[in-house]
Amino acid sequence: MKILVVDDEKVLVKGIKFNLESEGYQVDAAYDGEAAVELARSGAYDLIILDLMMPKIDGLQACMRIREFSNVPIIILTARSEDTDKIIGFECGADDYITKPFNILELKARVRALLRRAGMAAQKEKSGRLTIGHITLDPDERSAWRDGVPVDLTAKEFDLMELLMRNPGRVYNRENLLNVVWGYEYAGDYRTVDVHIRRLREKLELDPARPAYLLTKWGVGYYLKNA
């Protein structure tokens, strides 16, 4: 998961970035509203944390501009605590609002909640069978096929494969996969991911020794090649 943090207080940005990266997120930083809008246009972010008071354009203007082309979840950060400011923020398209000073644990909890809701909405929009090459998944029935032949997958194997099939070409490192598929409280090590990838190849690839779809980007992680 990739997050954009935008605030003109560089020390605050550094602290938020450190804490979110410790949770396994990838984090980029920007320091004014115009930069936030331009970075958001890339579509590379799963969530944006946006300060209200910034140079060039403020957070509300930036939020409205981003909403013209993106539904990415947005959390507004502000020193203002008045209800009217919160209402204006929501009307401009913000999904959540947190007042400075804030507890970093609360911010991380809100980030997790927003990402979880966004993921559930995306799954609902993308309901139906997923097919890449000779591999097919049915998320509703939690069924899998290889060349039309049913394949038994464990719950985690299915969750892992579904994530990769919904995001073909996107490379996930082991930490990302552990966080998304197993959860942030999972106490296992990265080898768990390797074992599951190997089993998926054995079950779904025509030649597991030379996989055609479930690929490794050496030194980075795993991804699913689109047909």
C-alpha atoms as a PDB file:
ATOM      1  CA  MET A   1       0.000   0.000   0.000  1.00  0.00           C
ATOM      2  CA  LYS A   2       1.313   3.442  -0.956  1.00  0.00           C
ATOM      3  CA  ILE A   3       0.502   6.628   0.969  1.00  0.00           C
ATOM      4  CA  LEU A   4       1.160  10.297   0.192  1.00  0.00           C
ATOM      5  CA  VAL A   5       1.734  12.590   3.201  1.00  0.00           C
ATOM      6  CA  VAL A   6       1.400  16.326   2.512  1.00  0.00           C
ATOM      7  CA  ASP A   7       2.262  18.982   5.109  1.00  0.00           C
ATOM      8  CA  ASP A   8       4.557  22.017   5.146  1.00  0.00           C
ATOM      9  CA  GLU A   9       5.859  20.985   8.588  1.00  0.00           C
ATOM     10  CA  LYS A  10       8.753  18.808   7.468  1.00  0.00           C
ATOM     11  CA  VAL A  11       9.483  17.467  10.963  1.00  0.00           C
ATOM     12  CA  LEU A  12       5.874  16.288  11.267  1.00  0.00           C
ATOM     13  CA  VAL A  13       6.000  14.696   7.818  1.00  0.00           C
ATOM     14  CA  LYS A  14       9.207  12.895   8.764  1.00  0.00           C
ATOM     15  CA  GLY A  15       7.582  11.491  11.916  1.00  0.00           C
ATOM     16  CA  ILE A  16       4.426  10.333  10.120  1.00  0.00           C
ATOM     17  CA  LYS A  17       6.502   8.796   7.335  1.00  0.00           C
ATOM     18  CA  PHE A  18       8.654   6.868   9.804  1.00  0.00           C
ATOM     19  CA  ASN A  19       5.655   5.499  11.698  1.00  0.00           C
ATOM     20  CA  LEU A  20       3.729   4.469   8.587  1.00  0.00           C
ATOM     21  CA  GLU A  21       6.768   2.827   7.008  1.00  0.00           C
ATOM     22  CA  SER A  22       7.234   0.833  10.206  1.00  0.00           C
ATOM     23  CA  GLU A  23       3.750  -0.586   9.502  1.00  0.00           C
ATOM     24  CA  GLY A  24       4.844  -1.738   6.049  1.00  0.00           C
ATOM     25  CA  TYR A  25       3.439   1.095   3.938  1.00  0.00           C
ATOM     26  CA  GLN A  26       5.354   2.846   1.175  1.00  0.00           C
ATOM     27  CA  VAL A  27       5.269   6.594   1.864  1.00  0.00           C
ATOM     28  CA  ASP A  28       5.972   9.637  -0.313  1.00  0.00           C
ATOM     29  CA  ALA A  29       6.063  13.212   0.971  1.00  0.00           C
ATOM     30  CA  ALA A  30       5.076  16.611  -0.405  1.00  0.00           C
ATOM     31  CA  TYR A  31       5.082  20.035   1.232  1.00  0.00           C
ATOM     32  CA  ASP A  32       2.454  22.131  -0.570  1.00  0.00           C
ATOM     33  CA  GLY A  33      -0.989  21.718  -2.082  1.00  0.00           C
ATOM     34  CA  GLU A  34       0.050  22.025  -5.719  1.00  0.00           C
ATOM     35  CA  ALA A  35       2.588  19.217  -5.345  1.00  0.00           C
ATOM     36  CA  ALA A  36      -0.090  17.082  -3.696  1.00  0.00           C
ATOM     37  CA  VAL A  37      -2.429  17.469  -6.670  1.00  0.00           C
ATOM     38  CA  GLU A  38       0.278  16.703  -9.217  1.00  0.00           C
ATOM     39  CA  LEU A  39       1.459  13.604  -7.362  1.00  0.00           C
ATOM     40  CA  ALA A  40      -2.124  12.418  -6.907  1.00  0.00           C
ATOM     41  CA  ARG A  41      -2.629  12.550 -10.692  1.00  0.00           C
ATOM     42  CA  SER A  42      -0.237   9.619 -11.036  1.00  0.00           C
ATOM     43  CA  GLY A  43      -2.864   7.358  -9.473  1.00  0.00           C
ATOM     44  CA  ALA A  44      -0.096   5.621  -7.555  1.00  0.00           C
ATOM     45  CA  TYR A  45      -1.523   6.181  -4.061  1.00  0.00           C
ATOM     46  CA  ASP A  46      -3.936   4.136  -1.983  1.00  0.00           C
ATOM     47  CA  LEU A  47      -4.455   6.974   0.532  1.00  0.00           C
ATOM     48  CA  ILE A  48      -3.496  10.644   0.989  1.00  0.00           C
ATOM     49  CA  ILE A  49      -2.915  12.454   4.290  1.00  0.00           C
ATOM     50  CA  LEU A  50      -3.376  16.166   3.608  1.00  0.00           C
ATOM     51  CA  ASP A  51      -2.736  19.144   5.882  1.00  0.00           C
ATOM     52  CA  LEU A  52      -5.277  21.957   5.800  1.00  0.00           C
ATOM     53  CA  MET A  53      -2.958  24.969   6.028  1.00  0.00           C
ATOM     54  CA  MET A  54      -0.259  24.873   3.328  1.00  0.00           C
ATOM     55  CA  PRO A  55       1.460  27.224   0.875  1.00  0.00           C
ATOM     56  CA  LYS A  56       0.447  27.734  -2.788  1.00  0.00           C
ATOM     57  CA  ILE A  57      -2.992  26.135  -2.375  1.00  0.00           C
ATOM     58  CA  ASP A  58      -4.466  24.974   0.912  1.00  0.00           C
ATOM     59  CA  GLY A  59      -5.612  21.470   1.771  1.00  0.00           C
ATOM     60  CA  LEU A  60      -9.273  22.145   0.991  1.00  0.00           C
ATOM     61  CA  GLN A  61      -8.475  23.395  -2.505  1.00  0.00           C
ATOM     62  CA  ALA A  62      -6.104  20.507  -3.056  1.00  0.00           C
ATOM     63  CA  CYS A  63      -8.752  18.043  -1.875  1.00  0.00           C
ATOM     64  CA  MET A  64     -11.359  19.493  -4.266  1.00  0.00           C
ATOM     65  CA  ARG A  65      -8.945  19.340  -7.201  1.00  0.00           C
ATOM     66  CA  ILE A  66      -7.993  15.748  -6.426  1.00  0.00           C
ATOM     67  CA  ARG A  67     -11.679  14.839  -6.266  1.00  0.00           C
ATOM     68  CA  GLU A  68     -12.055  16.013  -9.871  1.00  0.00           C
ATOM     69  CA  PHE A  69     -10.092  12.967 -11.055  1.00  0.00           C
ATOM     70  CA  SER A  70      -9.703  10.524  -8.153  1.00  0.00           C
ATOM     71  CA  ASN A  71     -11.656   8.775  -5.388  1.00  0.00           C
ATOM     72  CA  VAL A  72      -8.516   7.990  -3.387  1.00  0.00           C
ATOM     73  CA  PRO A  73      -9.226   8.081   0.398  1.00  0.00           C
ATOM     74  CA  ILE A  74      -8.142  11.408   1.927  1.00  0.00           C
ATOM     75  CA  ILE A  75      -7.492  12.221   5.592  1.00  0.00           C
ATOM     76  CA  ILE A  76      -7.359  15.944   6.426  1.00  0.00           C
ATOM     77  CA  LEU A  77      -4.911  17.084   9.127  1.00  0.00           C
ATOM     78  CA  THR A  78      -5.548  20.438  10.781  1.00  0.00           C
ATOM     79  CA  ALA A  79      -4.970  22.508  13.901  1.00  0.00           C
ATOM     80  CA  ARG A  80      -8.583  23.680  13.652  1.00  0.00           C
ATOM     81  CA  SER A  81     -11.126  21.791  15.753  1.00  0.00           C
ATOM     82  CA  GLU A  82     -14.368  23.664  14.963  1.00  0.00           C
ATOM     83  CA  ASP A  83     -17.224  21.535  13.630  1.00  0.00           C
ATOM     84  CA  THR A  84     -17.769  23.961  10.748  1.00  0.00           C
ATOM     85  CA  ASP A  85     -14.230  23.328   9.514  1.00  0.00           C
ATOM     86  CA  LYS A  86     -14.807  19.589   9.658  1.00  0.00           C
ATOM     87  CA  ILE A  87     -18.054  19.928   7.714  1.00  0.00           C
ATOM     88  CA  ILE A  88     -16.329  22.015   5.046  1.00  0.00           C
ATOM     89  CA  GLY A  89     -13.592  19.398   4.829  1.00  0.00           C
ATOM     90  CA  PHE A  90     -16.088  16.606   4.267  1.00  0.00           C
ATOM     91  CA  GLU A  91     -17.976  18.689   1.701  1.00  0.00           C
ATOM     92  CA  CYS A  92     -14.715  19.192  -0.193  1.00  0.00           C
ATOM     93  CA  GLY A  93     -14.341  15.425  -0.472  1.00  0.00           C
ATOM     94  CA  ALA A  94     -12.319  14.370   2.586  1.00  0.00           C
ATOM     95  CA  ASP A  95     -13.025  10.916   4.006  1.00  0.00           C
ATOM     96  CA  ASP A  96     -11.732  11.577   7.515  1.00  0.00           C
ATOM     97  CA  TYR A  97     -10.489  14.452   9.642  1.00  0.00           C
ATOM     98  CA  ILE A  98      -7.963  14.458  12.484  1.00  0.00           C
ATOM     99  CA  THR A  99      -7.022  17.443  14.646  1.00  0.00           C
ATOM    100  CA  LYS A 100      -3.475  18.373  15.627  1.00  0.00           C
ATOM    101  CA  PRO A 101      -1.896  17.486  17.953  1.00  0.00           C
ATOM    102  CA  PHE A 102      -2.874  13.877  17.451  1.00  0.00           C
ATOM    103  CA  ASN A 103      -1.842  10.473  18.753  1.00  0.00           C
ATOM    104  CA  ILE A 104       0.105   8.628  16.051  1.00  0.00           C
ATOM    105  CA  LEU A 105      -1.652   5.403  17.062  1.00  0.00           C
ATOM    106  CA  GLU A 106      -4.991   7.041  16.277  1.00  0.00           C
ATOM    107  CA  LEU A 107      -3.726   8.185  12.879  1.00  0.00           C
ATOM    108  CA  LYS A 108      -2.503   4.682  12.055  1.00  0.00           C
ATOM    109  CA  ALA A 109      -5.839   3.208  13.133  1.00  0.00           C
ATOM    110  CA  ARG A 110      -7.711   5.636  10.884  1.00  0.00           C
ATOM    111  CA  VAL A 111      -5.388   4.824   7.990  1.00  0.00           C
ATOM    112  CA  ARG A 112      -6.047   1.103   8.430  1.00  0.00           C
ATOM    113  CA  ALA A 113      -9.808   1.656   8.663  1.00  0.00           C
ATOM    114  CA  LEU A 114      -9.954   3.785   5.510  1.00  0.00           C
ATOM    115  CA  LEU A 115      -7.806   1.380   3.529  1.00  0.00           C
ATOM    116  CA  ARG A 116      -9.930  -1.530   4.686  1.00  0.00           C
ATOM    117  CA  ARG A 117     -13.158   0.220   3.612  1.00  0.00           C
ATOM    118  CA  ALA A 118     -11.620   1.211   0.280  1.00  0.00           C
ATOM    119  CA  GLY A 119     -10.490  -2.370  -0.305  1.00  0.00           C
ATOM    120  CA  MET A 120     -13.942  -3.742   0.464  1.00  0.00           C
ATOM    121  CA  ALA A 121     -15.529  -1.254  -1.949  1.00  0.00           C
ATOM    122  CA  ALA A 122     -13.034  -2.154  -4.680  1.00  0.00           C
ATOM    123  CA  GLN A 123     -13.737  -5.850  -4.206  1.00  0.00           C
ATOM    124  CA  LYS A 124     -17.459  -5.198  -4.483  1.00  0.00           C
ATOM    125  CA  GLU A 125     -16.961  -3.226  -7.705  1.00  0.00           C
ATOM    126  CA  LYS A 126     -14.767  -5.947  -9.141  1.00  0.00           C
ATOM    127  CA  SER A 127     -16.981  -8.856  -8.153  1.00  0.00           C
ATOM    128  CA  GLY A 128     -17.102 -11.704 -10.640  1.00  0.00           C
ATOM    129  CA  ARG A 129     -14.543 -14.164 -11.932  1.00  0.00           C
ATOM    130  CA  LEU A 130     -10.938 -13.147 -12.422  1.00  0.00           C
ATOM    131  CA  THR A 131      -9.052 -14.764 -15.289  1.00  0.00           C
ATOM    132  CA  ILE A 132      -5.430 -14.380 -16.344  1.00  0.00           C
ATOM    133  CA  GLY A 133      -4.126 -16.887 -18.844  1.00  0.00           C
ATOM    134  CA  HIS A 134      -5.166 -20.372 -17.790  1.00  0.00           C
ATOM    135  CA  ILE A 135      -5.837 -19.312 -14.171  1.00  0.00           C
ATOM    136  CA  THR A 136      -9.360 -18.395 -13.010  1.00  0.00           C
ATOM    137  CA  LEU A 137     -10.629 -17.352  -9.576  1.00  0.00           C
ATOM    138  CA  ASP A 138     -14.190 -16.800  -8.436  1.00  0.00           C
ATOM    139  CA  PRO A 139     -13.995 -14.504  -5.373  1.00  0.00           C
ATOM    140  CA  ASP A 140     -17.663 -14.978  -4.504  1.00  0.00           C
ATOM    141  CA  GLU A 141     -17.448 -18.780  -4.424  1.00  0.00           C
ATOM    142  CA  ARG A 142     -13.736 -18.739  -3.439  1.00  0.00           C
ATOM    143  CA  SER A 143     -13.060 -21.297  -6.147  1.00  0.00           C
ATOM    144  CA  ALA A 144     -10.051 -21.672  -8.438  1.00  0.00           C
ATOM    145  CA  TRP A 145      -9.378 -23.418 -11.757  1.00  0.00           C
ATOM    146  CA  ARG A 146      -6.343 -24.210 -13.876  1.00  0.00           C
ATOM    147  CA  ASP A 147      -7.300 -24.732 -17.523  1.00  0.00           C
ATOM    148  CA  GLY A 148     -10.865 -25.335 -16.393  1.00  0.00           C
ATOM    149  CA  VAL A 149      -9.901 -27.989 -13.844  1.00  0.00           C
ATOM    150  CA  PRO A 150     -10.836 -27.166 -10.219  1.00  0.00           C
ATOM    151  CA  VAL A 151      -7.906 -26.556  -7.881  1.00  0.00           C
ATOM    152  CA  ASP A 152      -8.102 -26.650  -4.077  1.00  0.00           C
ATOM    153  CA  LEU A 153      -6.524 -23.600  -2.447  1.00  0.00           C
ATOM    154  CA  THR A 154      -6.205 -22.914   1.262  1.00  0.00           C
ATOM    155  CA  ALA A 155      -7.786 -19.706   2.581  1.00  0.00           C
ATOM    156  CA  LYS A 156      -4.483 -17.805   2.606  1.00  0.00           C
ATOM    157  CA  GLU A 157      -3.441 -19.172  -0.791  1.00  0.00           C
ATOM    158  CA  PHE A 158      -6.724 -17.909  -2.207  1.00  0.00           C
ATOM    159  CA  ASP A 159      -6.420 -14.487  -0.529  1.00  0.00           C
ATOM    160  CA  LEU A 160      -2.858 -14.106  -1.784  1.00  0.00           C
ATOM    161  CA  MET A 161      -3.736 -15.126  -5.334  1.00  0.00           C
ATOM    162  CA  GLU A 162      -6.794 -12.891  -5.405  1.00  0.00           C
ATOM    163  CA  LEU A 163      -4.732  -9.879  -4.334  1.00  0.00           C
ATOM    164  CA  LEU A 164      -2.182 -10.513  -7.095  1.00  0.00           C
ATOM    165  CA  MET A 165      -4.832 -11.143  -9.750  1.00  0.00           C
ATOM    166  CA  ARG A 166      -6.674  -7.944  -8.885  1.00  0.00           C
ATOM    167  CA  ASN A 167      -3.437  -6.004  -9.297  1.00  0.00           C
ATOM    168  CA  PRO A 168      -1.562  -7.586 -12.251  1.00  0.00           C
ATOM    169  CA  GLY A 169       1.893  -6.176 -12.807  1.00  0.00           C
ATOM    170  CA  ARG A 170       2.096  -4.620  -9.353  1.00  0.00           C
ATOM    171  CA  VAL A 171       5.115  -5.844  -7.399  1.00  0.00           C
ATOM    172  CA  TYR A 172       4.579  -6.591  -3.694  1.00  0.00           C
ATOM    173  CA  ASN A 173       7.466  -7.193  -1.327  1.00  0.00           C
ATOM    174  CA  ARG A 174       7.128  -9.848   1.361  1.00  0.00           C
ATOM    175  CA  GLU A 175       6.340  -7.332   4.079  1.00  0.00           C
ATOM    176  CA  ASN A 176       3.505  -5.824   2.016  1.00  0.00           C
ATOM    177  CA  LEU A 177       2.013  -9.260   1.421  1.00  0.00           C
ATOM    178  CA  LEU A 178       2.253 -10.243   5.076  1.00  0.00           C
ATOM    179  CA  ASN A 179       0.543  -7.015   6.112  1.00  0.00           C
ATOM    180  CA  VAL A 180      -2.270  -7.202   3.559  1.00  0.00           C
ATOM    181  CA  VAL A 181      -2.999 -10.941   3.491  1.00  0.00           C
ATOM    182  CA  TRP A 182      -2.037 -12.085   6.991  1.00  0.00           C
ATOM    183  CA  GLY A 183      -2.670  -8.838   8.873  1.00  0.00           C
ATOM    184  CA  TYR A 184      -0.516  -6.393  10.796  1.00  0.00           C
ATOM    185  CA  GLU A 185      -0.529  -8.468  13.966  1.00  0.00           C
ATOM    186  CA  TYR A 186       0.814 -11.598  12.266  1.00  0.00           C
ATOM    187  CA  ALA A 187       3.907 -12.832  14.099  1.00  0.00           C
ATOM    188  CA  GLY A 188       5.358 -15.119  11.398  1.00  0.00           C
ATOM    189  CA  ASP A 189       8.366 -14.415   9.210  1.00  0.00           C
ATOM    190  CA  TYR A 190       8.784 -13.580   5.527  1.00  0.00           C
ATOM    191  CA  ARG A 191       9.391 -17.223   4.589  1.00  0.00           C
ATOM    192  CA  THR A 192       5.658 -17.776   5.017  1.00  0.00           C
ATOM    193  CA  VAL A 193       5.128 -15.754   1.837  1.00  0.00           C
ATOM    194  CA  ASP A 194       7.753 -17.755  -0.073  1.00  0.00           C
ATOM    195  CA  VAL A 195       6.134 -21.048   0.941  1.00  0.00           C
ATOM    196  CA  HIS A 196       2.686 -19.897  -0.192  1.00  0.00           C
ATOM    197  CA  ILE A 197       4.027 -18.596  -3.509  1.00  0.00           C
ATOM    198  CA  ARG A 198       5.738 -21.951  -4.123  1.00  0.00           C
ATOM    199  CA  ARG A 199       2.520 -23.845  -3.376  1.00  0.00           C
ATOM    200  CA  LEU A 200       0.496 -21.579  -5.643  1.00  0.00           C
ATOM    201  CA  ARG A 201       2.945 -22.200  -8.474  1.00  0.00           C
ATOM    202  CA  GLU A 202       2.710 -25.941  -7.919  1.00  0.00           C
ATOM    203  CA  LYS A 203      -1.087 -25.802  -8.038  1.00  0.00           C
ATOM    204  CA  LEU A 204      -1.698 -23.202 -10.739  1.00  0.00           C
ATOM    205  CA  GLU A 205       1.293 -22.989 -13.085  1.00  0.00           C
ATOM    206  CA  LEU A 206       1.573 -25.491 -15.944  1.00  0.00           C
ATOM    207  CA  ASP A 207       5.322 -25.697 -15.235  1.00  0.00           C
ATOM    208  CA  PRO A 208       6.044 -24.617 -11.628  1.00  0.00           C
ATOM    209  CA  ALA A 209       9.807 -24.666 -12.268  1.00  0.00           C
ATOM    210  CA  ARG A 210       9.336 -22.075 -15.036  1.00  0.00           C
ATOM    211  CA  PRO A 211       6.279 -20.062 -13.999  1.00  0.00           C
ATOM    212  CA  ALA A 212       4.579 -18.053 -16.707  1.00  0.00           C
ATOM    213  CA  TYR A 213       2.396 -15.837 -14.505  1.00  0.00           C
ATOM    214  CA  LEU A 214       3.337 -15.886 -10.818  1.00  0.00           C
ATOM    215  CA  LEU A 215       6.741 -14.220 -11.120  1.00  0.00           C
ATOM    216  CA  THR A 216       9.568 -12.987  -8.915  1.00  0.00           C
ATOM    217  CA  LYS A 217      11.152  -9.572  -9.315  1.00  0.00           C
ATOM    218  CA  TRP A 218      14.529 -10.367  -7.834  1.00  0.00           C
ATOM    219  CA  GLY A 219      15.469  -8.270  -4.845  1.00  0.00           C
ATOM    220  CA  VAL A 220      11.974  -6.740  -4.677  1.00  0.00           C
ATOM    221  CA  GLY A 221       9.096  -9.215  -4.396  1.00  0.00           C
ATOM    222  CA  TYR A 222       6.372 -11.009  -6.308  1.00  0.00           C
ATOM    223  CA  TYR A 223       3.868 -10.050  -8.975  1.00  0.00           C
ATOM    224  CA  LEU A 224       1.387 -11.572 -11.395  1.00  0.00           C
ATOM    225  CA  LYS A 225       2.100 -11.119 -15.093  1.00  0.00           C
ATOM    226  CA  ASN A 226      -0.948 -10.245 -17.132  1.00  0.00           C
ATOM    227  CA  ALA A 227      -1.692 -12.444 -20.133  1.00  0.00           C
END
